[in-house]
Amino acid sequence: MTPVLVFDIETVPDVAGLRRLRPEWAALPDAEVADRAFAERRERTGNDFLPLHLHRVVAISCVLRNDAGFRVGSIGSLADGEGALIQAFFGMIDRQTPQLVSWNGGGFDLPVLHYRGLLAGVSAARYWELGDDDREFRYNNYIGRYHTRHIDLMDLLAMYQPRASAPLDDLAKLAGFAGKLGLDGSRVWDAYQAGQLEQIRNYCETDVVNTYLLFSRFQKMRGVLSAEQQRAEETLVREALAQLPAPHWQDYLAAWPAV
């Protein structure tokens, strides 16, 4: 089978980059630098969501579904820097040429990885293949919005209309899955400042499981999986998570009632 790689990232304000762009903030503590950037953004746009190039990646979590089974986890270690995380992610694509799946990956995760990967000097040859070396990528590559090597499930289900998009947490819970546990994106910066990077990674991991489960439903809807095969995928996920010792998977399974 073609490997399926579901991915999600978590980010915090690029405080060092903000200091570089705003030298007058150089002596300010991290929290104040971020607060000033948020305040300026609110004044300009009405919300404090920073431009994508000013998001620093602190976690990348993935589900990998291939012939070996189902695996979920976060890339790298707690000590790894942003560049190492991004390079490891694109390295997986270089090695496996997977089917990429995300929830709003085209609108957020991938553009952030593009900008931050460029700044970190990473290499991502397979990801950026557009058909020059592999003709199969000419009309189906990772970059094209309407191609299928990367499926942004949120974007596709909404028919590429932002006003029609649905939150992952809502759709996962409506489908009977656990949804988000413990955190949400608006609280990641506070958690990071409190030294809770492991909790951030755990939260990111549950997001990719939610996305994979919704993707399996989508594959049934489009006729790729039969009803029996789709139920088997859910069973596979349950059994794989039950073997993992981390407490957040016990919490996830407890919030995902068996049908």
C-alpha atoms as a PDB file:
ATOM      1  CA  MET A   1       0.000   0.000   0.000  1.00  0.00           C
ATOM      2  CA  THR A   2       1.026   3.600  -0.472  1.00  0.00           C
ATOM      3  CA  PRO A   3       2.061   4.894   2.956  1.00  0.00           C
ATOM      4  CA  VAL A   4      -0.298   7.458   4.459  1.00  0.00           C
ATOM      5  CA  LEU A   5       1.342  10.216   6.507  1.00  0.00           C
ATOM      6  CA  VAL A   6      -1.036  12.391   8.516  1.00  0.00           C
ATOM      7  CA  PHE A   7       0.698  15.417  10.017  1.00  0.00           C
ATOM      8  CA  ASP A   8       0.054  18.388  12.247  1.00  0.00           C
ATOM      9  CA  ILE A   9       2.285  21.102  13.687  1.00  0.00           C
ATOM     10  CA  GLU A  10       2.200  23.280  16.778  1.00  0.00           C
ATOM     11  CA  THR A  11       3.802  26.706  16.797  1.00  0.00           C
ATOM     12  CA  VAL A  12       4.689  29.601  19.064  1.00  0.00           C
ATOM     13  CA  PRO A  13       5.646  33.192  18.222  1.00  0.00           C
ATOM     14  CA  ASP A  14       9.138  33.510  16.766  1.00  0.00           C
ATOM     15  CA  VAL A  15      10.369  35.802  19.509  1.00  0.00           C
ATOM     16  CA  ALA A  16      13.959  35.842  18.246  1.00  0.00           C
ATOM     17  CA  GLY A  17      12.748  36.745  14.765  1.00  0.00           C
ATOM     18  CA  LEU A  18      10.509  39.493  16.125  1.00  0.00           C
ATOM     19  CA  ARG A  19      13.492  40.987  17.954  1.00  0.00           C
ATOM     20  CA  ARG A  20      15.457  40.898  14.700  1.00  0.00           C
ATOM     21  CA  LEU A  21      12.679  42.723  12.875  1.00  0.00           C
ATOM     22  CA  ARG A  22      12.042  45.125  15.745  1.00  0.00           C
ATOM     23  CA  PRO A  23      15.424  45.985  17.301  1.00  0.00           C
ATOM     24  CA  GLU A  24      13.711  48.300  19.802  1.00  0.00           C
ATOM     25  CA  TRP A  25      12.258  45.176  21.438  1.00  0.00           C
ATOM     26  CA  ALA A  26      15.673  43.532  21.881  1.00  0.00           C
ATOM     27  CA  ALA A  27      15.845  43.978  25.668  1.00  0.00           C
ATOM     28  CA  LEU A  28      12.265  42.895  26.363  1.00  0.00           C
ATOM     29  CA  PRO A  29      11.459  39.452  27.831  1.00  0.00           C
ATOM     30  CA  ASP A  30       9.904  36.862  25.525  1.00  0.00           C
ATOM     31  CA  ALA A  31       6.376  37.261  26.873  1.00  0.00           C
ATOM     32  CA  GLU A  32       6.400  41.017  26.350  1.00  0.00           C
ATOM     33  CA  VAL A  33       7.806  40.715  22.825  1.00  0.00           C
ATOM     34  CA  ALA A  34       4.963  38.359  21.957  1.00  0.00           C
ATOM     35  CA  ASP A  35       2.363  40.558  23.679  1.00  0.00           C
ATOM     36  CA  ARG A  36       3.496  43.592  21.691  1.00  0.00           C
ATOM     37  CA  ALA A  37       3.353  41.635  18.436  1.00  0.00           C
ATOM     38  CA  PHE A  38      -0.138  40.371  19.317  1.00  0.00           C
ATOM     39  CA  ALA A  39      -1.298  43.898  20.152  1.00  0.00           C
ATOM     40  CA  GLU A  40      -0.003  45.316  16.856  1.00  0.00           C
ATOM     41  CA  ARG A  41      -1.653  42.480  14.960  1.00  0.00           C
ATOM     42  CA  ARG A  42      -4.995  43.073  16.706  1.00  0.00           C
ATOM     43  CA  GLU A  43      -4.822  46.743  15.811  1.00  0.00           C
ATOM     44  CA  ARG A  44      -4.209  45.938  12.146  1.00  0.00           C
ATOM     45  CA  THR A  45      -6.495  42.946  11.627  1.00  0.00           C
ATOM     46  CA  GLY A  46      -8.805  42.611  14.621  1.00  0.00           C
ATOM     47  CA  ASN A  47      -7.182  39.400  15.856  1.00  0.00           C
ATOM     48  CA  ASP A  48      -3.796  38.421  17.277  1.00  0.00           C
ATOM     49  CA  PHE A  49      -2.970  35.609  14.831  1.00  0.00           C
ATOM     50  CA  LEU A  50       0.562  36.393  13.663  1.00  0.00           C
ATOM     51  CA  PRO A  51       1.689  36.142  10.011  1.00  0.00           C
ATOM     52  CA  LEU A  52       2.712  32.585   9.140  1.00  0.00           C
ATOM     53  CA  HIS A  53       6.405  33.349   8.726  1.00  0.00           C
ATOM     54  CA  LEU A  54       6.512  34.466  12.373  1.00  0.00           C
ATOM     55  CA  HIS A  55       5.311  31.106  13.726  1.00  0.00           C
ATOM     56  CA  ARG A  56       8.133  28.969  15.136  1.00  0.00           C
ATOM     57  CA  VAL A  57       7.531  25.212  14.923  1.00  0.00           C
ATOM     58  CA  VAL A  58       7.871  23.452  18.289  1.00  0.00           C
ATOM     59  CA  ALA A  59       6.134  20.141  17.519  1.00  0.00           C
ATOM     60  CA  ILE A  60       5.361  17.997  14.486  1.00  0.00           C
ATOM     61  CA  SER A  61       3.232  14.914  15.087  1.00  0.00           C
ATOM     62  CA  CYS A  62       2.385  12.213  12.566  1.00  0.00           C
ATOM     63  CA  VAL A  63       0.362   9.105  11.964  1.00  0.00           C
ATOM     64  CA  LEU A  64       2.079   6.673   9.623  1.00  0.00           C
ATOM     65  CA  ARG A  65      -0.146   3.969   8.157  1.00  0.00           C
ATOM     66  CA  ASN A  66       1.700   1.522   5.943  1.00  0.00           C
ATOM     67  CA  ASP A  67       2.126  -2.206   5.390  1.00  0.00           C
ATOM     68  CA  ALA A  68       3.756  -2.481   8.816  1.00  0.00           C
ATOM     69  CA  GLY A  69       0.608  -1.202  10.528  1.00  0.00           C
ATOM     70  CA  PHE A  70      -0.393   1.991  12.338  1.00  0.00           C
ATOM     71  CA  ARG A  71       2.019   4.227  14.240  1.00  0.00           C
ATOM     72  CA  VAL A  72       1.597   7.600  15.889  1.00  0.00           C
ATOM     73  CA  GLY A  73       4.120   9.876  17.545  1.00  0.00           C
ATOM     74  CA  SER A  74       5.979  13.164  17.473  1.00  0.00           C
ATOM     75  CA  ILE A  75       9.105  13.784  15.437  1.00  0.00           C
ATOM     76  CA  GLY A  76      12.373  14.153  17.283  1.00  0.00           C
ATOM     77  CA  SER A  77      12.951  14.793  20.966  1.00  0.00           C
ATOM     78  CA  LEU A  78      12.021  17.557  23.364  1.00  0.00           C
ATOM     79  CA  ALA A  79      15.533  18.950  22.939  1.00  0.00           C
ATOM     80  CA  ASP A  80      15.492  19.154  19.118  1.00  0.00           C
ATOM     81  CA  GLY A  81      15.409  22.579  17.523  1.00  0.00           C
ATOM     82  CA  GLU A  82      13.022  23.766  14.857  1.00  0.00           C
ATOM     83  CA  GLY A  83      15.328  23.030  11.916  1.00  0.00           C
ATOM     84  CA  ALA A  84      15.921  19.447  13.015  1.00  0.00           C
ATOM     85  CA  LEU A  85      12.171  18.807  13.372  1.00  0.00           C
ATOM     86  CA  ILE A  86      11.372  20.205   9.937  1.00  0.00           C
ATOM     87  CA  GLN A  87      14.269  18.376   8.278  1.00  0.00           C
ATOM     88  CA  ALA A  88      13.142  15.082   9.833  1.00  0.00           C
ATOM     89  CA  PHE A  89       9.594  15.634   8.539  1.00  0.00           C
ATOM     90  CA  PHE A  90      10.701  16.282   4.974  1.00  0.00           C
ATOM     91  CA  GLY A  91      13.162  13.390   5.291  1.00  0.00           C
ATOM     92  CA  MET A  92      10.211  11.043   5.857  1.00  0.00           C
ATOM     93  CA  ILE A  93       8.700  12.280   2.602  1.00  0.00           C
ATOM     94  CA  ASP A  94      12.019  11.827   0.783  1.00  0.00           C
ATOM     95  CA  ARG A  95      12.234   8.208   1.949  1.00  0.00           C
ATOM     96  CA  GLN A  96       8.636   7.070   1.569  1.00  0.00           C
ATOM     97  CA  THR A  97       6.803   9.345  -0.931  1.00  0.00           C
ATOM     98  CA  PRO A  98       3.653   8.997   1.180  1.00  0.00           C
ATOM     99  CA  GLN A  99       0.117  10.172   0.702  1.00  0.00           C
ATOM    100  CA  LEU A 100       0.076  13.317   2.851  1.00  0.00           C
ATOM    101  CA  VAL A 101      -3.095  14.080   4.801  1.00  0.00           C
ATOM    102  CA  SER A 102      -3.831  17.095   6.966  1.00  0.00           C
ATOM    103  CA  TRP A 103      -6.575  19.232   8.425  1.00  0.00           C
ATOM    104  CA  ASN A 104      -5.984  22.787   7.166  1.00  0.00           C
ATOM    105  CA  GLY A 105      -2.458  21.807   6.170  1.00  0.00           C
ATOM    106  CA  GLY A 106      -2.711  23.789   2.947  1.00  0.00           C
ATOM    107  CA  GLY A 107      -3.829  26.914   4.773  1.00  0.00           C
ATOM    108  CA  PHE A 108      -1.470  26.763   7.740  1.00  0.00           C
ATOM    109  CA  ASP A 109       0.877  23.842   8.378  1.00  0.00           C
ATOM    110  CA  LEU A 110       2.567  23.585   4.985  1.00  0.00           C
ATOM    111  CA  PRO A 111       3.056  27.329   4.398  1.00  0.00           C
ATOM    112  CA  VAL A 112       4.592  27.569   7.882  1.00  0.00           C
ATOM    113  CA  LEU A 113       6.877  24.624   7.109  1.00  0.00           C
ATOM    114  CA  HIS A 114       7.828  26.262   3.800  1.00  0.00           C
ATOM    115  CA  TYR A 115       8.833  29.546   5.405  1.00  0.00           C
ATOM    116  CA  ARG A 116      10.500  28.041   8.442  1.00  0.00           C
ATOM    117  CA  GLY A 117      12.225  25.334   6.423  1.00  0.00           C
ATOM    118  CA  LEU A 118      13.606  27.974   4.079  1.00  0.00           C
ATOM    119  CA  LEU A 119      14.939  29.977   7.017  1.00  0.00           C
ATOM    120  CA  ALA A 120      16.457  26.863   8.604  1.00  0.00           C
ATOM    121  CA  GLY A 121      18.125  25.737   5.367  1.00  0.00           C
ATOM    122  CA  VAL A 122      16.439  22.347   5.157  1.00  0.00           C
ATOM    123  CA  SER A 123      16.436  20.040   2.125  1.00  0.00           C
ATOM    124  CA  ALA A 124      13.126  18.691   0.780  1.00  0.00           C
ATOM    125  CA  ALA A 125      13.734  17.494  -2.765  1.00  0.00           C
ATOM    126  CA  ARG A 126      10.939  14.921  -3.016  1.00  0.00           C
ATOM    127  CA  TYR A 127       8.362  17.252  -1.525  1.00  0.00           C
ATOM    128  CA  TRP A 128       9.166  19.978  -4.064  1.00  0.00           C
ATOM    129  CA  GLU A 129       9.279  17.603  -7.056  1.00  0.00           C
ATOM    130  CA  LEU A 130       7.070  19.061  -9.802  1.00  0.00           C
ATOM    131  CA  GLY A 131       7.816  16.643 -12.632  1.00  0.00           C
ATOM    132  CA  ASP A 132      11.292  17.667 -13.751  1.00  0.00           C
ATOM    133  CA  ASP A 133      12.894  14.436 -12.513  1.00  0.00           C
ATOM    134  CA  ASP A 134       9.791  12.260 -12.021  1.00  0.00           C
ATOM    135  CA  ARG A 135       7.102  12.653 -14.657  1.00  0.00           C
ATOM    136  CA  GLU A 136       4.460  11.197 -12.333  1.00  0.00           C
ATOM    137  CA  PHE A 137       4.682  14.406 -10.307  1.00  0.00           C
ATOM    138  CA  ARG A 138       3.914  16.684 -13.237  1.00  0.00           C
ATOM    139  CA  TYR A 139       0.169  16.433 -12.779  1.00  0.00           C
ATOM    140  CA  ASN A 140       0.001  15.120  -9.224  1.00  0.00           C
ATOM    141  CA  ASN A 141       2.389  16.629  -6.713  1.00  0.00           C
ATOM    142  CA  TYR A 142       2.450  17.812  -3.118  1.00  0.00           C
ATOM    143  CA  ILE A 143       2.152  21.487  -4.030  1.00  0.00           C
ATOM    144  CA  GLY A 144      -0.962  21.574  -6.219  1.00  0.00           C
ATOM    145  CA  ARG A 145      -4.099  22.446  -4.262  1.00  0.00           C
ATOM    146  CA  TYR A 146      -6.285  20.167  -6.368  1.00  0.00           C
ATOM    147  CA  HIS A 147      -3.816  17.283  -6.548  1.00  0.00           C
ATOM    148  CA  THR A 148      -4.050  14.264  -4.293  1.00  0.00           C
ATOM    149  CA  ARG A 149      -0.504  13.608  -3.058  1.00  0.00           C
ATOM    150  CA  HIS A 150      -1.490  15.995  -0.287  1.00  0.00           C
ATOM    151  CA  ILE A 151      -5.126  15.951   0.785  1.00  0.00           C
ATOM    152  CA  ASP A 152      -6.102  18.836   3.021  1.00  0.00           C
ATOM    153  CA  LEU A 153      -9.239  17.145   4.246  1.00  0.00           C
ATOM    154  CA  MET A 154     -10.756  20.307   5.710  1.00  0.00           C
ATOM    155  CA  ASP A 155     -10.210  22.255   2.483  1.00  0.00           C
ATOM    156  CA  LEU A 156     -11.510  19.450   0.279  1.00  0.00           C
ATOM    157  CA  LEU A 157     -14.671  18.772   2.300  1.00  0.00           C
ATOM    158  CA  ALA A 158     -15.413  22.506   2.278  1.00  0.00           C
ATOM    159  CA  MET A 159     -15.070  22.592  -1.521  1.00  0.00           C
ATOM    160  CA  TYR A 160     -12.141  25.025  -1.125  1.00  0.00           C
ATOM    161  CA  GLN A 161     -14.412  27.672   0.404  1.00  0.00           C
ATOM    162  CA  PRO A 162     -13.088  29.016   3.733  1.00  0.00           C
ATOM    163  CA  ARG A 163     -16.566  30.001   4.889  1.00  0.00           C
ATOM    164  CA  ALA A 164     -17.630  26.357   4.612  1.00  0.00           C
ATOM    165  CA  SER A 165     -14.766  24.888   6.661  1.00  0.00           C
ATOM    166  CA  ALA A 166     -15.442  22.978   9.890  1.00  0.00           C
ATOM    167  CA  PRO A 167     -13.284  22.684  13.039  1.00  0.00           C
ATOM    168  CA  LEU A 168     -11.480  19.373  13.465  1.00  0.00           C
ATOM    169  CA  ASP A 169     -12.672  19.033  17.059  1.00  0.00           C
ATOM    170  CA  ASP A 170     -16.329  19.445  16.103  1.00  0.00           C
ATOM    171  CA  LEU A 171     -16.231  17.020  13.205  1.00  0.00           C
ATOM    172  CA  ALA A 172     -14.254  14.404  15.133  1.00  0.00           C
ATOM    173  CA  LYS A 173     -16.721  14.476  18.017  1.00  0.00           C
ATOM    174  CA  LEU A 174     -19.722  14.429  15.687  1.00  0.00           C
ATOM    175  CA  ALA A 175     -18.216  11.330  14.060  1.00  0.00           C
ATOM    176  CA  GLY A 176     -17.981   9.649  17.463  1.00  0.00           C
ATOM    177  CA  PHE A 177     -14.234  10.053  17.989  1.00  0.00           C
ATOM    178  CA  ALA A 178     -12.561  11.602  21.020  1.00  0.00           C
ATOM    179  CA  GLY A 179     -11.781  15.013  19.558  1.00  0.00           C
ATOM    180  CA  LYS A 180      -9.273  17.347  21.164  1.00  0.00           C
ATOM    181  CA  LEU A 181      -8.064  16.619  24.680  1.00  0.00           C
ATOM    182  CA  GLY A 182      -6.410  18.945  27.178  1.00  0.00           C
ATOM    183  CA  LEU A 183      -5.366  21.850  24.952  1.00  0.00           C
ATOM    184  CA  ASP A 184      -6.371  23.830  21.912  1.00  0.00           C
ATOM    185  CA  GLY A 185      -4.322  25.954  19.563  1.00  0.00           C
ATOM    186  CA  SER A 186      -5.053  29.193  21.405  1.00  0.00           C
ATOM    187  CA  ARG A 187      -3.393  27.861  24.572  1.00  0.00           C
ATOM    188  CA  VAL A 188      -0.179  26.484  23.082  1.00  0.00           C
ATOM    189  CA  TRP A 189       1.859  29.646  23.708  1.00  0.00           C
ATOM    190  CA  ASP A 190       0.856  29.740  27.378  1.00  0.00           C
ATOM    191  CA  ALA A 191       1.660  26.029  27.724  1.00  0.00           C
ATOM    192  CA  TYR A 192       5.030  26.533  26.046  1.00  0.00           C
ATOM    193  CA  GLN A 193       5.945  29.373  28.383  1.00  0.00           C
ATOM    194  CA  ALA A 194       5.039  27.112  31.299  1.00  0.00           C
ATOM    195  CA  GLY A 195       7.519  24.491  30.053  1.00  0.00           C
ATOM    196  CA  GLN A 196       4.819  22.070  28.928  1.00  0.00           C
ATOM    197  CA  LEU A 197       6.306  21.011  25.589  1.00  0.00           C
ATOM    198  CA  GLU A 198       5.553  17.349  26.216  1.00  0.00           C
ATOM    199  CA  GLN A 199       1.877  18.173  26.768  1.00  0.00           C
ATOM    200  CA  ILE A 200       1.889  20.167  23.534  1.00  0.00           C
ATOM    201  CA  ARG A 201       3.285  17.166  21.666  1.00  0.00           C
ATOM    202  CA  ASN A 202       0.671  14.896  23.250  1.00  0.00           C
ATOM    203  CA  TYR A 203      -2.093  17.244  22.146  1.00  0.00           C
ATOM    204  CA  CYS A 204      -0.682  17.365  18.622  1.00  0.00           C
ATOM    205  CA  GLU A 205      -0.592  13.553  18.499  1.00  0.00           C
ATOM    206  CA  THR A 206      -4.284  13.262  19.363  1.00  0.00           C
ATOM    207  CA  ASP A 207      -5.054  15.716  16.559  1.00  0.00           C
ATOM    208  CA  VAL A 208      -3.389  13.520  13.934  1.00  0.00           C
ATOM    209  CA  VAL A 209      -5.294  10.465  15.192  1.00  0.00           C
ATOM    210  CA  ASN A 210      -8.563  12.396  14.874  1.00  0.00           C
ATOM    211  CA  THR A 211      -7.555  13.403  11.351  1.00  0.00           C
ATOM    212  CA  TYR A 212      -6.627   9.854  10.358  1.00  0.00           C
ATOM    213  CA  LEU A 213      -9.938   8.487  11.625  1.00  0.00           C
ATOM    214  CA  LEU A 214     -11.847  11.107   9.656  1.00  0.00           C
ATOM    215  CA  PHE A 215      -9.708  10.324   6.615  1.00  0.00           C
ATOM    216  CA  SER A 216     -10.672   6.645   6.873  1.00  0.00           C
ATOM    217  CA  ARG A 217     -14.339   7.716   6.854  1.00  0.00           C
ATOM    218  CA  PHE A 218     -13.608   9.852   3.807  1.00  0.00           C
ATOM    219  CA  GLN A 219     -11.959   6.901   2.059  1.00  0.00           C
ATOM    220  CA  LYS A 220     -15.137   4.897   2.660  1.00  0.00           C
ATOM    221  CA  MET A 221     -17.280   7.751   1.370  1.00  0.00           C
ATOM    222  CA  ARG A 222     -15.303   7.942  -1.864  1.00  0.00           C
ATOM    223  CA  GLY A 223     -15.331   4.162  -2.345  1.00  0.00           C
ATOM    224  CA  VAL A 224     -11.669   3.440  -1.633  1.00  0.00           C
ATOM    225  CA  LEU A 225     -12.535   1.430   1.488  1.00  0.00           C
ATOM    226  CA  SER A 226     -15.517  -0.851   1.996  1.00  0.00           C
ATOM    227  CA  ALA A 227     -17.566  -0.523   5.165  1.00  0.00           C
ATOM    228  CA  GLU A 228     -15.836  -3.607   6.530  1.00  0.00           C
ATOM    229  CA  GLN A 229     -12.374  -2.253   5.690  1.00  0.00           C
ATOM    230  CA  GLN A 230     -13.162   1.081   7.299  1.00  0.00           C
ATOM    231  CA  ARG A 231     -14.349  -0.603  10.499  1.00  0.00           C
ATOM    232  CA  ALA A 232     -11.153  -2.644  10.461  1.00  0.00           C
ATOM    233  CA  GLU A 233      -9.127   0.573  10.296  1.00  0.00           C
ATOM    234  CA  GLU A 234     -10.864   1.891  13.402  1.00  0.00           C
ATOM    235  CA  THR A 235     -10.207  -1.398  15.173  1.00  0.00           C
ATOM    236  CA  LEU A 236      -6.555  -1.249  14.147  1.00  0.00           C
ATOM    237  CA  VAL A 237      -6.245   2.263  15.579  1.00  0.00           C
ATOM    238  CA  ARG A 238      -7.913   1.260  18.863  1.00  0.00           C
ATOM    239  CA  GLU A 239      -5.642  -1.753  19.259  1.00  0.00           C
ATOM    240  CA  ALA A 240      -2.511   0.236  18.426  1.00  0.00           C
ATOM    241  CA  LEU A 241      -3.355   3.016  20.889  1.00  0.00           C
ATOM    242  CA  ALA A 242      -4.158   0.495  23.609  1.00  0.00           C
ATOM    243  CA  GLN A 243      -0.564  -0.776  23.382  1.00  0.00           C
ATOM    244  CA  LEU A 244       0.925   2.671  24.009  1.00  0.00           C
ATOM    245  CA  PRO A 245       1.863   3.425  27.632  1.00  0.00           C
ATOM    246  CA  ALA A 246       1.467   7.211  27.596  1.00  0.00           C
ATOM    247  CA  PRO A 247      -1.518   8.382  29.707  1.00  0.00           C
ATOM    248  CA  HIS A 248      -2.927  10.634  26.998  1.00  0.00           C
ATOM    249  CA  TRP A 249      -3.782   7.556  24.934  1.00  0.00           C
ATOM    250  CA  GLN A 250      -5.692   6.053  27.821  1.00  0.00           C
ATOM    251  CA  ASP A 251      -7.596   9.334  28.058  1.00  0.00           C
ATOM    252  CA  TYR A 252      -8.208   9.301  24.312  1.00  0.00           C
ATOM    253  CA  LEU A 253      -9.592   5.775  24.330  1.00  0.00           C
ATOM    254  CA  ALA A 254     -11.781   6.583  27.320  1.00  0.00           C
ATOM    255  CA  ALA A 255     -13.260   9.517  25.360  1.00  0.00           C
ATOM    256  CA  TRP A 256     -13.829   7.348  22.255  1.00  0.00           C
ATOM    257  CA  PRO A 257     -16.731   5.078  23.123  1.00  0.00           C
ATOM    258  CA  ALA A 258     -16.889   1.718  21.413  1.00  0.00           C
ATOM    259  CA  VAL A 259     -19.902   1.306  19.127  1.00  0.00           C
END
